[in-house]
């Protein structure tokens, strides 16, 4: 490996079939980590895994639903069996949803809370024993700018991501005595296939153009922006950072709500 920063480290990445998750898996692998890719769609997970293996990396695929407790336990146990341990958990899987409280059905509320908040909870709980054994454990949760400030008509998503932020900080305190660091990133608009597919705006390209004006730096993000920040936060370079909600939004949190 040209950059062995993560040599000997093992990472699980949820939602790794595309977008941020796939880019994080590639980035960590190129820097020496063995990776486990999880998600609901096995075929694209295998595609990402094959790309990693072609570059000389190690990649394991464990397909399943992030809201399934058995899947979380299975992903951890198979990872430990394959690689001998676990050092890093990256909770990236998530979905986007919009709607006011009056428009949001109970089913939609449950779907967003289950995937965006219950999923990270289940994976954290399943991974913690292995992370404790590693003595170099680290958890990174992919949250959202919507977790740190309110937005009208995105109510269930905001609530779910605010929950992720609080989960992050509570676990940072709980797990600090064990040497496990827990941080979150809070992205603004990052263009991915999932973002395109699940966004409810009628004209996505028009939405992206407008988003350039709501992010003070004047452009939207790419998966590589998230991957680089995540790689830093789960590395030894960030060894004294825990409980942080790190904005990744081109200044979006500083701008007025638009």
Protein backbone atom coordinates (compact mmCIF):
# COMPACT_ATOMS: atom_id res chain seq x y z
CA UNK A 1 0.00 0.00 0.00
CA UNK A 2 1.28 3.44 -0.92
CA UNK A 3 -0.22 4.91 2.24
CA UNK A 4 -0.37 2.35 5.09
CA UNK A 5 -2.05 4.66 7.61
CA UNK A 6 -4.71 2.06 8.38
CA UNK A 7 -2.56 -1.04 8.00
CA UNK A 8 -3.83 -3.73 10.37
CA UNK A 9 -7.11 -1.89 10.94
CA UNK A 10 -10.55 -3.31 10.14
CA UNK A 11 -13.60 -1.21 9.29
CA UNK A 12 -17.30 -1.87 8.79
CA UNK A 13 -19.09 0.62 6.54
CA UNK A 14 -22.87 0.58 6.32
CA UNK A 15 -24.59 1.82 3.18
CA UNK A 16 -21.45 1.04 1.22
CA UNK A 17 -22.96 0.20 -2.17
CA UNK A 18 -22.58 3.73 -3.57
CA UNK A 19 -22.04 7.39 -2.74
CA UNK A 20 -20.33 8.32 0.51
CA UNK A 21 -20.17 4.75 1.80
CA UNK A 22 -18.48 3.37 -1.30
CA UNK A 23 -16.02 6.28 -1.41
CA UNK A 24 -15.14 5.82 2.26
CA UNK A 25 -14.55 2.09 1.69
CA UNK A 26 -12.22 2.82 -1.23
CA UNK A 27 -10.38 5.54 0.68
CA UNK A 28 -9.75 3.43 3.79
CA UNK A 29 -8.76 0.42 1.71
CA UNK A 30 -6.21 2.44 -0.27
CA UNK A 31 -4.72 3.46 3.06
CA UNK A 32 -4.37 -0.09 4.30
CA UNK A 33 -7.64 -1.05 6.02
CA UNK A 34 -9.52 -4.28 5.52
CA UNK A 35 -13.18 -3.38 5.00
CA UNK A 36 -16.59 -4.96 5.37
CA UNK A 37 -19.29 -3.51 3.14
CA UNK A 38 -22.92 -3.71 4.22
CA UNK A 39 -26.17 -2.62 2.60
CA UNK A 40 -29.42 -3.97 1.24
CA UNK A 41 -28.29 -4.37 -2.38
CA UNK A 42 -25.75 -7.16 -2.71
CA UNK A 43 -24.90 -6.68 -6.41
CA UNK A 44 -23.55 -3.10 -6.11
CA UNK A 45 -21.79 -4.04 -2.87
CA UNK A 46 -19.99 -6.82 -4.74
CA UNK A 47 -19.05 -4.34 -7.48
CA UNK A 48 -17.41 -2.02 -4.96
CA UNK A 49 -15.71 -4.99 -3.28
CA UNK A 50 -14.32 -6.19 -6.62
CA UNK A 51 -12.92 -2.71 -7.31
CA UNK A 52 -11.18 -2.76 -3.93
CA UNK A 53 -9.77 -6.25 -4.47
CA UNK A 54 -8.52 -5.29 -7.93
CA UNK A 55 -6.46 -2.56 -6.22
CA UNK A 56 -4.97 -5.10 -3.83
CA UNK A 57 -7.33 -4.46 -0.93
CA UNK A 58 -9.38 -6.77 1.25
CA UNK A 59 -13.17 -6.47 1.14
CA UNK A 60 -15.95 -8.58 2.65
CA UNK A 61 -19.61 -8.19 1.69
CA UNK A 62 -22.38 -8.81 4.23
CA UNK A 63 -25.68 -7.75 2.69
CA UNK A 64 -28.71 -7.00 4.83
CA UNK A 65 -31.10 -4.44 6.29
CA UNK A 66 -29.55 -1.95 8.71
CA UNK A 67 -32.74 -1.99 10.81
CA UNK A 68 -32.41 -5.74 11.43
CA UNK A 69 -30.68 -6.48 14.73
CA UNK A 70 -29.63 -9.91 13.48
CA UNK A 71 -27.94 -8.36 10.45
CA UNK A 72 -25.92 -5.98 12.63
CA UNK A 73 -24.73 -8.87 14.78
CA UNK A 74 -24.02 -10.97 11.70
CA UNK A 75 -21.95 -8.21 10.06
CA UNK A 76 -19.80 -7.86 13.17
CA UNK A 77 -19.34 -11.58 13.76
CA UNK A 78 -18.43 -12.27 10.12
CA UNK A 79 -16.00 -9.36 10.12
CA UNK A 80 -14.24 -10.60 13.24
CA UNK A 81 -14.15 -14.15 11.87
CA UNK A 82 -12.69 -12.95 8.54
CA UNK A 83 -10.18 -10.40 9.78
CA UNK A 84 -9.59 -11.24 13.44
CA UNK A 85 -11.07 -8.10 14.94
CA UNK A 86 -12.76 -4.75 14.41
CA UNK A 87 -11.36 -1.24 14.87
CA UNK A 88 -13.71 1.13 13.05
CA UNK A 89 -17.48 1.35 12.57
CA UNK A 90 -18.85 3.87 10.09
CA UNK A 91 -22.64 4.27 10.23
CA UNK A 92 -23.37 5.75 6.83
CA UNK A 93 -26.61 4.06 5.74
CA UNK A 94 -29.56 6.41 5.62
CA UNK A 95 -32.49 7.75 3.65
CA UNK A 96 -33.85 11.23 3.03
CA UNK A 97 -37.46 12.20 3.53
CA UNK A 98 -39.47 15.40 3.53
CA UNK A 99 -42.80 16.46 4.92
CA UNK A 100 -44.42 18.53 7.62
CA UNK A 101 -45.87 16.85 10.69
CA UNK A 102 -49.33 16.97 9.13
CA UNK A 103 -48.14 15.38 5.88
CA UNK A 104 -46.00 12.66 7.44
CA UNK A 105 -47.66 9.27 7.76
CA UNK A 106 -46.88 7.01 10.69
CA UNK A 107 -45.28 4.58 8.24
CA UNK A 108 -42.97 7.26 6.82
CA UNK A 109 -42.03 8.45 10.30
CA UNK A 110 -41.16 4.90 11.34
CA UNK A 111 -39.17 4.29 8.14
CA UNK A 112 -36.95 7.33 8.64
CA UNK A 113 -36.43 6.81 12.36
CA UNK A 114 -35.71 3.11 11.86
CA UNK A 115 -33.15 3.52 9.08
CA UNK A 116 -31.52 6.80 10.11
CA UNK A 117 -31.47 6.36 13.90
CA UNK A 118 -32.29 2.80 14.94
CA UNK A 119 -29.80 1.44 12.38
CA UNK A 120 -26.79 3.26 13.90
CA UNK A 121 -27.95 2.27 17.39
CA UNK A 122 -28.10 -1.41 16.44
CA UNK A 123 -24.71 -1.40 14.73
CA UNK A 124 -23.07 0.51 17.58
CA UNK A 125 -24.43 -1.92 20.14
CA UNK A 126 -23.35 -4.94 18.09
CA UNK A 127 -19.86 -3.54 17.43
CA UNK A 128 -18.90 -2.21 20.87
CA UNK A 129 -17.64 -5.52 22.36
CA UNK A 130 -15.27 -6.02 19.42
CA UNK A 131 -14.19 -2.37 19.48
CA UNK A 132 -13.37 -2.67 23.18
CA UNK A 133 -11.21 -5.71 22.51
CA UNK A 134 -9.34 -3.80 19.80
CA UNK A 135 -8.34 -1.04 22.25
CA UNK A 136 -8.22 1.34 19.24
CA UNK A 137 -11.95 1.49 18.61
CA UNK A 138 -13.65 4.30 16.75
CA UNK A 139 -17.23 5.01 15.65
CA UNK A 140 -18.16 7.59 13.02
CA UNK A 141 -21.81 8.45 12.38
CA UNK A 142 -22.87 10.21 9.19
CA UNK A 143 -25.50 12.70 10.31
CA UNK A 144 -26.66 15.85 8.49
CA UNK A 145 -26.78 19.61 8.74
CA UNK A 146 -30.47 19.02 9.46
CA UNK A 147 -29.50 17.46 12.78
CA UNK A 148 -28.07 20.73 14.06
CA UNK A 149 -30.77 23.21 13.05
CA UNK A 150 -34.47 23.07 12.17
CA UNK A 151 -35.81 23.11 8.64
CA UNK A 152 -39.48 23.43 7.83
CA UNK A 153 -41.10 20.51 6.02
CA UNK A 154 -38.22 18.11 6.66
CA UNK A 155 -39.47 17.24 10.12
CA UNK A 156 -38.93 13.46 10.41
CA UNK A 157 -35.49 13.63 8.80
CA UNK A 158 -34.40 16.49 11.07
CA UNK A 159 -35.58 14.61 14.14
CA UNK A 160 -33.83 11.40 13.10
CA UNK A 161 -30.53 13.16 12.45
CA UNK A 162 -30.76 15.17 15.68
CA UNK A 163 -31.11 11.79 17.36
CA UNK A 164 -27.95 10.58 15.64
CA UNK A 165 -26.09 13.62 16.96
CA UNK A 166 -27.23 12.98 20.54
CA UNK A 167 -26.46 9.26 20.20
CA UNK A 168 -22.96 10.25 19.09
CA UNK A 169 -22.31 12.48 22.06
CA UNK A 170 -23.84 10.14 24.64
CA UNK A 171 -21.75 7.23 23.36
CA UNK A 172 -18.63 9.41 23.31
CA UNK A 173 -19.05 9.87 27.08
CA UNK A 174 -20.04 6.27 27.77
CA UNK A 175 -17.22 4.75 25.76
CA UNK A 176 -14.37 7.14 26.53
CA UNK A 177 -13.21 5.03 29.52
CA UNK A 178 -12.75 2.13 27.09
CA UNK A 179 -10.71 4.31 24.74
CA UNK A 180 -13.39 4.28 22.03
CA UNK A 181 -13.87 7.59 20.22
CA UNK A 182 -17.28 8.50 18.74
CA UNK A 183 -17.77 11.39 16.32
CA UNK A 184 -20.25 12.50 13.67
CA UNK A 185 -20.08 14.52 10.49
CA UNK A 186 -22.96 16.79 9.48
CA UNK A 187 -22.95 17.19 5.70
CA UNK A 188 -24.87 19.75 3.72
CA UNK A 189 -25.87 18.84 0.16
CA UNK A 190 -23.60 16.12 -1.21
CA UNK A 191 -24.51 14.77 -4.63
CA UNK A 192 -24.93 10.99 -4.65
CA UNK A 193 -27.22 8.57 -6.47
CA UNK A 194 -29.17 8.10 -3.23
CA UNK A 195 -29.56 11.82 -2.79
CA UNK A 196 -30.90 12.11 -6.32
CA UNK A 197 -33.21 9.11 -5.96
CA UNK A 198 -34.74 9.99 -2.59
CA UNK A 199 -34.91 13.77 -2.81
CA UNK A 200 -38.50 14.93 -3.09
CA UNK A 201 -37.89 18.13 -5.09
CA UNK A 202 -39.56 18.15 -8.54
CA UNK A 203 -36.48 19.47 -10.40
CA UNK A 204 -33.22 18.12 -8.96
CA UNK A 205 -30.89 20.14 -11.19
CA UNK A 206 -32.71 23.33 -10.26
CA UNK A 207 -32.40 22.31 -6.62
CA UNK A 208 -28.63 21.91 -7.00
CA UNK A 209 -28.30 25.33 -8.58
CA UNK A 210 -30.27 26.84 -5.71
CA UNK A 211 -28.13 24.93 -3.21
CA UNK A 212 -25.06 26.78 -4.47
CA UNK A 213 -26.62 29.93 -3.05
CA UNK A 214 -27.49 28.37 0.32
CA UNK A 215 -23.94 27.09 0.91
CA UNK A 216 -21.74 30.18 1.40
CA UNK A 217 -18.72 28.66 -0.37
CA UNK A 218 -20.85 28.56 -3.52
CA UNK A 219 -20.84 24.88 -4.42
CA UNK A 220 -22.24 21.56 -3.21
CA UNK A 221 -20.21 18.64 -1.92
CA UNK A 222 -18.99 15.37 -3.40
CA UNK A 223 -18.53 11.97 -1.73
CA UNK A 224 -14.75 12.47 -1.66
CA UNK A 225 -15.22 15.49 0.62
CA UNK A 226 -16.94 13.29 3.19
CA UNK A 227 -14.49 10.43 2.72
CA UNK A 228 -11.47 12.60 3.46
CA UNK A 229 -13.00 14.03 6.63
CA UNK A 230 -14.12 10.60 7.82
CA UNK A 231 -10.67 9.14 7.16
CA UNK A 232 -9.14 11.84 9.35
CA UNK A 233 -11.63 11.41 12.19
CA UNK A 234 -11.15 7.63 12.39
CA UNK A 235 -7.36 7.89 12.16
CA UNK A 236 -4.79 8.23 14.92
CA UNK A 237 -4.31 11.84 13.82
CA UNK A 238 -7.63 12.52 15.56
CA UNK A 239 -6.74 10.55 18.69
CA UNK A 240 -7.87 13.35 21.04
CA UNK A 241 -11.15 14.10 19.27
CA UNK A 242 -14.38 12.57 20.50
CA UNK A 243 -17.99 13.69 20.80
CA UNK A 244 -17.57 16.15 17.94
CA UNK A 245 -20.34 17.04 15.46
CA UNK A 246 -18.25 18.18 12.55
CA UNK A 247 -19.91 20.36 9.94
CA UNK A 248 -19.20 19.52 6.31
CA UNK A 249 -21.45 21.95 4.52
CA UNK A 250 -19.62 24.79 2.82
CA UNK A 251 -20.77 27.10 5.62
CA UNK A 252 -24.44 26.06 5.42
CA UNK A 253 -24.89 26.06 9.20
CA UNK A 254 -23.84 29.71 9.28
CA UNK A 255 -26.33 30.83 6.64
CA UNK A 256 -29.92 31.85 7.19
CA UNK A 257 -32.50 29.15 6.47
CA UNK A 258 -33.46 29.28 2.80
